[in-house]
Amino acid sequence: MAKSTLSFVCQNCGAAYNRWQGKCDACGEWNTLAEEDSTGNVPVSIRSKRKGRTFALESLSGKSHDAPRLSSGMTELDRVTGGGFVRGSVLLVGGDPGIGKSTLLTQATSMLARAGHRAVYISGEEAVAQVRLRAERLGLANAPVQLASETSVEDIVSTLSEGTVPRLIVIDSIQTMWTDTVESAPGTVTQVRASAQALIRFAKKTGAAIILVGHVTKDGQIAGPRVVEHMVDAVLSFEGEGSQQFRILRAVKNRFGPTDEIGVFEMTGLGLREVSNPSELFLSERDLGSPGTAVFAGIEGTRPVLVELQALVAPTSLGTPRRAVVGWDPSRLSMVLAVLEAHCGVKLSSHDVYLNVAGGLRIQEPAADLAAAAALVSSLVNAPLPTDAVYFGEISLSGAVRPVAQTSARLKEAAKLGFGRAVLPESARGDVGDAGLSLNSVGGLTTLVAEIAARGTPRGNHQAQRDAEPVEKNATPARFRREKG
């Protein structure tokens, strides 16, 4: 019999140690080592004597067929996956608790089942009756989805191997699965890794598409060993703010499609509703005429998205001013503030700076530099920006405004939503197309700062003017008014 040996495995990275210690030397995390039994089913001396089997080798010149895809019936989900589920692929979906992962997958399996495909939903955290309650609330109780509440991987594989191979299998969640091949408790690194490996082998052998649901840590990372993310074919992140109604599905890794596409959903009483025009959703609550707000024309994958950037610059009473950012890279904000102070004469060292991307969307491209700078200067000098203008452009350390990709797509989206002008880099004029917008090209950040500062007014006078005039709130993009002249 194999000798029983104990090891201490880090639950964050999977590193193993012979004795317990407070800090993991591999990942640097504290109090993550747990005791696990590393006994294998077969002794090492016996495993080493097993002869390997021969397999056929193929040449590069052979015919290769494109992997057939299975449409989920949800356009936003298919956009993120690259056109649908590939046969034999394994996807890992992560997100905060209560964000809507189970709701999304319940709707996807129901649509596939109604289309005539065999779809199986296996829950390791909920009973079958609880899954049925969710389906009734979503109006999907009549969908021919096969349900089960099971956590043994061997039983799951044996059951799914009988009859017709399912086209889609949902495992909710991988942290609750366990296999007989290891002696660890469910949820540990060893069990998660072994269970995922067994399900991946079943998917590659039968051609069924499997979706694994994964928990996330406090930092927003998918819990469990990082090796699971390398084992699967795609890693999807389901994001959203608790105070907002919309959810964003983003691909972190995708072997069969792009990783820069996003899918936008809105959480309603009847489940997740697909949002075909995210720009209208992100701009639906604009407060027109307020200083410190600028509309950024961004690109998420192949889709242009317009979103509002909100900035607040206020005098500080602290020795070190605060710099708070929500939805944008804090390092890029620090760079923009340094360029404004070094090349444009904008003194912000004695002011607190707050920057927020309205709606909770996370912006990753540097094209938002120009919109962020315009919003910051507008808040500092109390000068409202034109309500029908969009901004995009990358700012270099020298203060120059650099061009960005897909200028024509940004301008067309802005024109479709009723905007009349665009502030863009000067060198991007050759790629503007025919969008019908009034273009204001800037070669350097100093020019834009001077234009905004010329419209600035003291805060007392502007506040009195705002109290006298009614402010139009909750305006949809189609009702944006344009500046006279």
Protein backbone atom coordinates (compact mmCIF):
# COMPACT_ATOMS: atom_id res chain seq x y z
CA MET A 1 0.00 0.00 0.00
CA ALA A 2 1.08 3.57 -0.58
CA LYS A 3 2.48 5.38 2.39
CA SER A 4 0.24 8.17 3.67
CA THR A 5 2.09 11.48 3.53
CA LEU A 6 0.84 14.87 4.59
CA SER A 7 1.72 18.10 2.88
CA PHE A 8 0.67 21.69 3.28
CA VAL A 9 -0.72 23.23 0.08
CA CYS A 10 -1.27 26.95 -0.52
CA GLN A 11 -4.94 27.55 -1.32
CA ASN A 12 -4.04 30.62 -3.38
CA CYS A 13 -1.34 29.39 -5.77
CA GLY A 14 -1.10 25.63 -5.18
CA ALA A 15 2.48 25.50 -3.89
CA ALA A 16 3.20 22.52 -1.57
CA TYR A 17 5.40 22.46 1.53
CA ASN A 18 6.55 19.70 3.90
CA ARG A 19 5.66 21.70 7.02
CA TRP A 20 3.27 24.48 7.93
CA GLN A 21 4.37 28.10 7.75
CA GLY A 22 2.51 31.36 8.04
CA LYS A 23 3.51 32.85 4.68
CA CYS A 24 3.60 31.21 1.27
CA ASP A 25 6.99 31.82 -0.33
CA ALA A 26 5.58 31.39 -3.84
CA CYS A 27 2.78 33.99 -3.85
CA GLY A 28 3.49 35.93 -0.65
CA GLU A 29 0.04 35.40 0.87
CA TRP A 30 -0.40 34.82 4.61
CA ASN A 31 -2.38 32.03 6.31
CA THR A 32 -3.24 30.22 3.06
CA LEU A 33 -1.52 26.87 3.76
CA ALA A 34 -3.87 23.96 4.50
CA GLU A 35 -3.01 20.39 5.41
CA GLU A 36 -3.83 17.85 2.69
CA ASP A 37 -3.23 14.14 2.23
CA SER A 38 -1.03 13.59 -0.79
CA THR A 39 -1.55 9.81 -0.95
CA GLY A 40 -2.11 8.59 -4.49
CA ASN A 41 -4.20 5.62 -5.57
CA VAL A 42 -1.20 3.78 -6.99
CA PRO A 43 2.29 3.71 -5.44
CA VAL A 44 5.04 5.46 -7.33
CA SER A 45 7.00 2.22 -7.70
CA ILE A 46 4.06 0.60 -9.53
CA ARG A 47 3.23 3.65 -11.66
CA SER A 48 6.82 3.89 -12.90
CA LYS A 49 6.70 0.31 -14.31
CA ARG A 50 3.65 0.94 -16.53
CA LYS A 51 4.54 0.97 -20.22
CA GLY A 52 3.21 3.80 -22.34
CA ARG A 53 0.98 3.15 -25.34
CA THR A 54 1.78 4.27 -28.84
CA PHE A 55 -0.33 6.86 -30.65
CA ALA A 56 -0.58 8.06 -34.24
CA LEU A 57 1.30 11.14 -35.41
CA GLU A 58 -0.11 13.45 -38.09
CA SER A 59 1.54 15.94 -40.42
CA LEU A 60 0.96 19.66 -40.68
CA SER A 61 -0.32 19.32 -44.26
CA GLY A 62 -3.46 17.46 -43.21
CA LYS A 63 -6.92 18.93 -43.64
CA SER A 64 -8.22 20.86 -40.68
CA HIS A 65 -11.87 21.80 -40.27
CA ASP A 66 -13.04 24.86 -38.44
CA ALA A 67 -14.43 24.08 -35.03
CA PRO A 68 -18.24 24.15 -35.27
CA ARG A 69 -19.90 26.57 -32.90
CA LEU A 70 -23.17 26.29 -31.06
CA SER A 71 -25.10 29.53 -30.69
CA SER A 72 -26.43 30.13 -27.19
CA GLY A 73 -29.38 32.18 -28.42
CA MET A 74 -28.08 35.25 -26.55
CA THR A 75 -26.34 37.73 -28.85
CA GLU A 76 -24.27 39.35 -26.11
CA LEU A 77 -23.01 35.99 -24.82
CA ASP A 78 -22.11 34.85 -28.34
CA ARG A 79 -20.25 38.13 -28.91
CA VAL A 80 -17.97 37.51 -25.93
CA THR A 81 -17.32 33.83 -26.68
CA GLY A 82 -16.44 34.61 -30.30
CA GLY A 83 -19.63 33.41 -32.00
CA GLY A 84 -20.87 30.61 -29.76
CA PHE A 85 -19.68 27.55 -27.85
CA VAL A 86 -17.03 25.41 -29.55
CA ARG A 87 -17.46 21.63 -29.35
CA GLY A 88 -15.30 20.16 -26.62
CA SER A 89 -14.44 23.53 -25.10
CA VAL A 90 -14.41 24.29 -21.36
CA LEU A 91 -15.25 27.78 -20.11
CA LEU A 92 -14.69 29.18 -16.63
CA VAL A 93 -17.14 31.91 -15.54
CA GLY A 94 -16.32 33.98 -12.45
CA GLY A 95 -18.03 36.86 -10.70
CA ASP A 96 -19.00 38.31 -7.34
CA PRO A 97 -21.65 36.48 -5.29
CA GLY A 98 -25.15 37.47 -6.38
CA ILE A 99 -23.99 39.19 -9.56
CA GLY A 100 -26.17 36.93 -11.77
CA LYS A 101 -23.95 34.05 -12.92
CA SER A 102 -26.57 31.39 -12.24
CA THR A 103 -29.27 33.53 -13.82
CA LEU A 104 -27.21 34.00 -16.99
CA LEU A 105 -26.41 30.31 -17.33
CA THR A 106 -29.99 29.28 -16.57
CA GLN A 107 -31.21 31.47 -19.42
CA ALA A 108 -28.49 30.16 -21.78
CA THR A 109 -29.26 26.50 -21.06
CA SER A 110 -33.00 27.12 -21.41
CA MET A 111 -32.58 28.72 -24.84
CA LEU A 112 -30.39 25.85 -26.03
CA ALA A 113 -32.87 23.27 -24.73
CA ARG A 114 -35.76 25.02 -26.47
CA ALA A 115 -33.73 24.92 -29.70
CA GLY A 116 -33.65 21.11 -29.54
CA HIS A 117 -30.22 20.55 -27.96
CA ARG A 118 -29.59 18.51 -24.84
CA ALA A 119 -28.57 20.90 -22.04
CA VAL A 120 -27.69 19.78 -18.51
CA TYR A 121 -27.46 22.01 -15.43
CA ILE A 122 -25.70 20.42 -12.44
CA SER A 123 -25.68 22.40 -9.22
CA GLY A 124 -23.44 21.56 -6.31
CA GLU A 125 -24.62 24.45 -4.14
CA GLU A 126 -28.41 24.41 -4.62
CA ALA A 127 -31.06 21.74 -4.57
CA VAL A 128 -33.12 20.95 -7.65
CA ALA A 129 -36.13 22.68 -6.09
CA GLN A 130 -34.15 25.90 -5.66
CA VAL A 131 -33.06 25.86 -9.30
CA ARG A 132 -36.70 25.31 -10.32
CA LEU A 133 -37.78 28.33 -8.27
CA ARG A 134 -35.30 30.50 -10.18
CA ALA A 135 -36.53 29.12 -13.50
CA GLU A 136 -40.15 29.87 -12.57
CA ARG A 137 -39.22 33.44 -11.63
CA LEU A 138 -37.51 33.86 -15.01
CA GLY A 139 -40.44 32.33 -16.90
CA LEU A 140 -38.35 29.34 -18.06
CA ALA A 141 -40.07 26.53 -16.14
CA ASN A 142 -41.25 24.84 -19.36
CA ALA A 143 -37.75 24.65 -20.90
CA PRO A 144 -36.57 21.00 -21.27
CA VAL A 145 -33.39 21.48 -19.25
CA GLN A 146 -32.11 18.43 -17.35
CA LEU A 147 -31.32 19.27 -13.71
CA ALA A 148 -29.32 17.52 -11.01
CA SER A 149 -27.79 18.29 -7.65
CA GLU A 150 -24.54 16.33 -7.43
CA THR A 151 -20.93 16.92 -6.40
CA SER A 152 -19.16 13.65 -7.27
CA VAL A 153 -17.25 14.01 -10.52
CA GLU A 154 -17.24 10.24 -11.18
CA ASP A 155 -21.02 10.05 -10.81
CA ILE A 156 -21.48 13.09 -13.07
CA VAL A 157 -19.24 11.70 -15.82
CA SER A 158 -20.91 8.27 -15.63
CA THR A 159 -24.40 9.76 -15.84
CA LEU A 160 -23.63 12.12 -18.73
CA SER A 161 -21.93 9.34 -20.72
CA GLU A 162 -25.23 7.50 -21.08
CA GLY A 163 -27.44 8.25 -24.06
CA THR A 164 -26.96 11.27 -26.27
CA VAL A 165 -23.97 13.41 -25.39
CA PRO A 166 -25.14 16.80 -24.05
CA ARG A 167 -24.25 19.83 -26.15
CA LEU A 168 -23.89 22.08 -23.08
CA ILE A 169 -23.14 21.19 -19.45
CA VAL A 170 -23.10 23.72 -16.62
CA ILE A 171 -21.23 22.88 -13.40
CA ASP A 172 -22.19 25.28 -10.61
CA SER A 173 -19.67 25.48 -9.06
CA ILE A 174 -16.27 23.84 -9.51
CA GLN A 175 -15.34 24.55 -5.86
CA THR A 176 -18.04 22.10 -4.67
CA MET A 177 -16.92 19.18 -6.85
CA TRP A 178 -14.80 16.29 -5.52
CA THR A 179 -13.19 13.20 -7.00
CA ASP A 180 -12.10 9.86 -5.53
CA THR A 181 -8.61 10.15 -7.00
CA VAL A 182 -7.44 12.52 -4.25
CA GLU A 183 -8.01 12.49 -0.51
CA SER A 184 -8.52 16.21 0.06
CA ALA A 185 -11.66 18.02 1.10
CA PRO A 186 -13.88 19.67 -1.56
CA GLY A 187 -12.81 23.21 -2.33
CA THR A 188 -9.10 22.66 -1.72
CA VAL A 189 -6.53 23.27 -4.41
CA THR A 190 -5.94 19.57 -5.05
CA GLN A 191 -9.65 18.76 -5.39
CA VAL A 192 -10.41 21.74 -7.64
CA ARG A 193 -7.51 20.91 -9.92
CA ALA A 194 -8.31 17.19 -10.12
CA SER A 195 -12.05 17.75 -10.63
CA ALA A 196 -11.45 20.29 -13.38
CA GLN A 197 -9.02 17.93 -15.11
CA ALA A 198 -11.55 15.07 -15.09
CA LEU A 199 -14.28 17.28 -16.55
CA ILE A 200 -11.92 18.66 -19.21
CA ARG A 201 -10.98 15.12 -20.29
CA PHE A 202 -14.69 14.28 -20.59
CA ALA A 203 -15.31 17.40 -22.71
CA LYS A 204 -12.42 16.69 -25.09
CA LYS A 205 -13.43 13.03 -25.46
CA THR A 206 -17.15 13.53 -26.08
CA GLY A 207 -17.24 16.98 -27.70
CA ALA A 208 -19.60 18.48 -25.13
CA ALA A 209 -19.15 22.12 -24.14
CA ILE A 210 -18.77 22.59 -20.38
CA ILE A 211 -19.15 25.81 -18.39
CA LEU A 212 -17.54 25.84 -14.95
CA VAL A 213 -18.68 28.46 -12.44
CA GLY A 214 -15.91 29.71 -10.16
CA HIS A 215 -15.97 31.75 -6.98
CA VAL A 216 -13.97 34.96 -6.72
CA THR A 217 -11.78 36.30 -3.93
CA LYS A 218 -11.93 39.68 -2.22
CA ASP A 219 -9.63 41.10 -4.91
CA GLY A 220 -11.99 40.01 -7.69
CA GLN A 221 -9.74 37.13 -8.85
CA ILE A 222 -11.17 33.69 -9.52
CA ALA A 223 -10.61 31.57 -6.42
CA GLY A 224 -8.60 28.38 -6.53
CA PRO A 225 -5.31 27.54 -8.23
CA ARG A 226 -4.27 29.64 -11.19
CA VAL A 227 -3.52 26.43 -13.07
CA VAL A 228 -7.27 25.93 -13.62
CA GLU A 229 -7.37 29.12 -15.69
CA HIS A 230 -4.57 27.71 -17.85
CA MET A 231 -6.37 24.38 -18.24
CA VAL A 232 -9.65 25.77 -19.58
CA ASP A 233 -10.18 27.24 -23.04
CA ALA A 234 -11.83 30.51 -21.99
CA VAL A 235 -12.16 32.56 -18.81
CA LEU A 236 -15.15 34.92 -18.62
CA SER A 237 -15.64 37.55 -15.94
CA PHE A 238 -19.15 38.70 -15.02
CA GLU A 239 -18.88 42.21 -13.57
CA GLY A 240 -21.25 44.80 -12.22
CA GLU A 241 -21.97 47.16 -9.37
CA GLY A 242 -24.57 46.33 -6.76
CA SER A 243 -26.14 49.79 -7.12
CA GLN A 244 -26.38 49.52 -10.92
CA GLN A 245 -28.84 47.48 -12.95
CA PHE A 246 -26.51 46.51 -15.77
CA ARG A 247 -23.93 43.71 -15.89
CA ILE A 248 -20.89 43.33 -18.13
CA LEU A 249 -19.54 40.01 -19.38
CA ARG A 250 -15.87 40.28 -20.33
CA ALA A 251 -13.47 37.66 -21.75
CA VAL A 252 -10.18 37.46 -19.85
CA LYS A 253 -8.89 34.52 -21.90
CA ASN A 254 -10.32 32.97 -25.06
CA ARG A 255 -8.59 30.41 -27.27
CA PHE A 256 -11.34 30.55 -29.90
CA GLY A 257 -12.15 34.26 -30.05
CA PRO A 258 -11.18 37.80 -29.08
CA THR A 259 -10.54 38.94 -25.52
CA ASP A 260 -11.52 42.60 -25.97
CA GLU A 261 -15.25 42.15 -26.56
CA ILE A 262 -17.85 42.85 -23.87
CA GLY A 263 -21.45 41.81 -23.48
CA VAL A 264 -23.85 44.18 -21.72
CA PHE A 265 -26.91 42.97 -19.84
CA GLU A 266 -29.50 44.70 -17.68
CA MET A 267 -30.82 42.97 -14.57
CA THR A 268 -34.61 43.05 -14.47
CA GLY A 269 -37.30 41.25 -12.53
CA LEU A 270 -37.51 38.65 -15.31
CA GLY A 271 -33.79 38.01 -15.48
CA LEU A 272 -31.03 39.47 -17.64
CA ARG A 273 -32.03 41.54 -20.65
CA GLU A 274 -29.55 42.05 -23.47
CA VAL A 275 -28.58 45.67 -24.15
CA SER A 276 -27.96 46.19 -27.85
CA ASN A 277 -27.03 49.87 -27.45
CA PRO A 278 -24.87 50.25 -24.32
CA SER A 279 -24.11 53.93 -25.03
CA GLU A 280 -27.73 54.89 -24.52
CA LEU A 281 -27.76 53.04 -21.20
CA PHE A 282 -24.57 54.67 -19.91
CA LEU A 283 -25.67 58.18 -20.93
CA SER A 284 -29.32 57.96 -19.87
CA GLU A 285 -28.76 59.73 -16.52
CA ARG A 286 -26.65 62.68 -17.67
CA ASP A 287 -26.94 65.97 -15.81
CA LEU A 288 -26.54 68.46 -18.63
CA GLY A 289 -24.71 71.69 -18.03
CA SER A 290 -22.67 70.59 -15.01
CA PRO A 291 -18.94 71.39 -14.86
CA GLY A 292 -16.60 68.43 -14.67
CA THR A 293 -18.45 66.08 -17.02
CA ALA A 294 -17.19 64.96 -20.44
CA VAL A 295 -18.44 62.26 -22.82
CA PHE A 296 -15.77 59.82 -23.95
CA ALA A 297 -16.14 57.94 -27.24
CA GLY A 298 -14.45 54.61 -26.53
CA ILE A 299 -14.06 51.23 -28.20
CA GLU A 300 -14.70 47.90 -26.49
CA GLY A 301 -13.52 45.25 -28.91
CA THR A 302 -15.32 46.06 -32.17
CA ARG A 303 -18.16 47.96 -30.49
CA PRO A 304 -18.04 51.74 -29.97
CA VAL A 305 -19.29 52.77 -26.52
CA LEU A 306 -19.99 56.30 -25.29
CA VAL A 307 -19.67 56.87 -21.56
CA GLU A 308 -19.59 59.90 -19.29
CA LEU A 309 -16.50 60.79 -17.25
CA GLN A 310 -17.17 62.78 -14.08
CA ALA A 311 -14.44 64.77 -12.33
CA LEU A 312 -14.43 66.81 -9.14
CA VAL A 313 -11.51 69.08 -8.21
CA ALA A 314 -11.82 70.70 -4.78
CA PRO A 315 -9.35 72.46 -2.45
CA THR A 316 -7.87 70.11 0.08
CA SER A 317 -7.37 70.54 3.80
CA LEU A 318 -4.86 67.69 4.00
CA GLY A 319 -1.12 67.77 3.65
CA THR A 320 -1.30 65.19 0.85
CA PRO A 321 -4.18 65.68 -1.61
CA ARG A 322 -6.48 62.74 -2.27
CA ARG A 323 -6.55 61.01 -5.65
CA ALA A 324 -9.59 58.73 -5.98
CA VAL A 325 -10.46 56.90 -9.22
CA VAL A 326 -13.38 54.59 -10.01
CA GLY A 327 -13.44 52.74 -13.34
CA TRP A 328 -10.09 53.97 -14.69
CA ASP A 329 -6.40 53.27 -14.19
CA PRO A 330 -5.06 55.38 -11.28
CA SER A 331 -1.61 55.47 -12.92
CA ARG A 332 -3.00 57.17 -16.01
CA LEU A 333 -4.76 59.74 -13.85
CA SER A 334 -1.47 60.55 -12.14
CA MET A 335 0.18 60.94 -15.54
CA VAL A 336 -2.55 63.27 -16.83
CA LEU A 337 -2.33 65.40 -13.68
CA ALA A 338 1.45 65.64 -14.07
CA VAL A 339 1.16 66.71 -17.72
CA LEU A 340 -1.47 69.33 -16.85
CA GLU A 341 0.74 70.83 -14.17
CA ALA A 342 4.05 70.63 -16.06
CA HIS A 343 3.01 71.77 -19.54
CA CYS A 344 -0.32 73.56 -19.12
CA GLY A 345 0.23 75.52 -15.90
CA VAL A 346 -2.74 73.88 -14.15
CA LYS A 347 -1.90 73.78 -10.44
CA LEU A 348 -3.55 70.75 -8.85
CA SER A 349 -1.07 70.02 -6.05
CA SER A 350 -3.34 71.72 -3.50
CA HIS A 351 -6.59 70.13 -4.67
CA ASP A 352 -8.31 66.82 -4.11
CA VAL A 353 -9.09 65.04 -7.38
CA TYR A 354 -11.95 62.56 -7.83
CA LEU A 355 -12.62 60.82 -11.16
CA ASN A 356 -15.53 58.49 -11.85
CA VAL A 357 -16.70 56.57 -14.91
CA ALA A 358 -20.49 56.92 -14.79
CA GLY A 359 -22.43 53.68 -14.67
CA GLY A 360 -19.60 51.55 -13.27
CA LEU A 361 -17.97 50.70 -16.62
CA ARG A 362 -14.24 49.99 -16.49
CA ILE A 363 -12.21 51.78 -19.15
CA GLN A 364 -8.88 50.28 -20.16
CA GLU A 365 -7.80 52.11 -23.30
CA PRO A 366 -5.57 55.23 -23.18
CA ALA A 367 -7.89 57.08 -25.54
CA ALA A 368 -9.77 58.37 -22.49
CA ASP A 369 -6.88 60.68 -21.55
CA LEU A 370 -8.30 63.67 -23.43
CA ALA A 371 -11.80 63.29 -21.98
CA ALA A 372 -10.39 62.93 -18.46
CA ALA A 373 -8.22 66.04 -18.86
CA ALA A 374 -11.18 68.05 -20.19
CA ALA A 375 -13.36 67.00 -17.26
CA LEU A 376 -10.65 67.85 -14.72
CA VAL A 377 -10.02 71.33 -16.13
CA SER A 378 -13.75 71.95 -16.46
CA SER A 379 -14.27 71.20 -12.79
CA LEU A 380 -11.28 73.29 -11.71
CA VAL A 381 -12.26 76.47 -13.58
CA ASN A 382 -16.03 75.87 -13.23
CA ALA A 383 -16.63 75.85 -16.99
CA PRO A 384 -19.33 73.47 -18.30
CA LEU A 385 -18.31 71.64 -21.46
CA PRO A 386 -20.56 71.61 -24.55
CA THR A 387 -23.31 69.06 -24.03
CA ASP A 388 -23.15 67.81 -27.62
CA ALA A 389 -19.38 67.17 -27.73
CA VAL A 390 -17.41 63.95 -27.38
CA TYR A 391 -13.72 63.65 -26.55
CA PHE A 392 -11.09 61.01 -27.32
CA GLY A 393 -7.32 61.02 -27.71
CA GLU A 394 -4.16 59.82 -25.99
CA ILE A 395 -1.97 62.33 -24.15
CA SER A 396 1.80 61.91 -24.30
CA LEU A 397 4.22 63.02 -21.61
CA SER A 398 5.20 66.02 -23.74
CA GLY A 399 1.62 67.32 -23.74
CA ALA A 400 0.90 66.32 -27.35
CA VAL A 401 -2.38 64.61 -28.25
CA ARG A 402 -1.72 61.35 -30.07
CA PRO A 403 -4.18 59.66 -32.46
CA VAL A 404 -6.08 56.49 -31.55
CA ALA A 405 -7.52 53.63 -33.59
CA GLN A 406 -11.01 53.37 -35.10
CA THR A 407 -11.72 57.08 -35.23
CA SER A 408 -14.50 56.74 -37.80
CA ALA A 409 -16.39 54.18 -35.70
CA ARG A 410 -16.30 56.50 -32.68
CA LEU A 411 -17.60 59.43 -34.70
CA LYS A 412 -20.40 57.41 -36.30
CA GLU A 413 -21.61 56.23 -32.89
CA ALA A 414 -21.56 59.81 -31.59
CA ALA A 415 -23.52 61.08 -34.59
CA LYS A 416 -26.08 58.28 -34.19
CA LEU A 417 -26.75 59.37 -30.59
CA GLY A 418 -27.30 63.02 -31.47
CA PHE A 419 -23.91 64.59 -30.75
CA GLY A 420 -22.87 67.48 -32.99
CA ARG A 421 -19.14 67.97 -32.41
CA ALA A 422 -16.04 66.00 -31.53
CA VAL A 423 -12.72 66.98 -29.99
CA LEU A 424 -10.07 64.66 -31.38
CA PRO A 425 -6.32 64.55 -32.15
CA GLU A 426 -5.16 66.74 -35.00
CA SER A 427 -3.31 63.93 -36.78
CA ALA A 428 -6.50 61.83 -36.98
CA ARG A 429 -8.19 63.97 -39.65
CA GLY A 430 -7.46 61.45 -42.40
CA ASP A 431 -9.50 58.72 -40.67
CA VAL A 432 -12.64 60.64 -39.73
CA GLY A 433 -14.87 59.39 -42.53
CA ASP A 434 -18.18 61.14 -43.21
CA ALA A 435 -19.96 61.22 -39.85
CA GLY A 436 -21.39 64.73 -40.23
CA LEU A 437 -19.93 66.08 -36.98
CA SER A 438 -18.17 69.38 -36.43
CA LEU A 439 -14.56 68.45 -35.72
CA ASN A 440 -12.30 70.35 -33.36
CA SER A 441 -8.81 68.92 -33.76
CA VAL A 442 -6.19 69.69 -31.12
CA GLY A 443 -2.49 69.04 -31.49
CA GLY A 444 -1.55 69.75 -27.89
CA LEU A 445 -3.23 69.69 -24.52
CA THR A 446 -2.40 73.37 -23.95
CA THR A 447 -4.85 74.44 -26.67
CA LEU A 448 -7.73 72.53 -25.13
CA VAL A 449 -6.98 73.82 -21.63
CA ALA A 450 -6.95 77.42 -22.89
CA GLU A 451 -10.31 76.99 -24.63
CA ILE A 452 -11.94 75.56 -21.50
CA ALA A 453 -10.40 78.11 -19.15
CA ALA A 454 -11.68 80.98 -21.33
CA ARG A 455 -15.26 79.90 -20.54
CA GLY A 456 -14.68 79.59 -16.79
CA THR A 457 -16.76 81.58 -14.29
CA PRO A 458 -16.49 82.05 -10.51
CA ARG A 459 -18.38 79.36 -8.63
CA GLY A 460 -20.70 81.81 -6.91
CA ASN A 461 -21.93 83.36 -10.16
CA HIS A 462 -22.35 80.01 -11.85
CA GLN A 463 -24.29 78.59 -8.92
CA ALA A 464 -26.69 81.53 -8.97
CA GLN A 465 -27.19 81.06 -12.70
CA ARG A 466 -27.95 77.37 -12.23
CA ASP A 467 -30.47 78.14 -9.50
CA ALA A 468 -32.28 80.58 -11.78
CA GLU A 469 -32.46 78.24 -14.77
CA PRO A 470 -34.07 74.82 -14.64
CA VAL A 471 -31.63 71.99 -15.32
CA GLU A 472 -32.73 69.17 -17.57
CA LYS A 473 -32.00 65.85 -15.89
CA ASN A 474 -32.35 62.23 -16.93
CA ALA A 475 -32.12 63.20 -20.57
CA THR A 476 -31.79 60.42 -23.09
CA PRO A 477 -29.07 60.82 -25.74
CA ALA A 478 -31.66 61.56 -28.42
CA ARG A 479 -32.76 64.67 -26.50
CA PHE A 480 -29.32 66.20 -26.09
CA ARG A 481 -29.59 69.90 -26.89
CA ARG A 482 -26.93 71.54 -28.98
CA GLU A 483 -25.11 74.75 -28.21
CA LYS A 484 -26.21 77.79 -30.14
CA GLY A 485 -23.72 79.18 -32.62
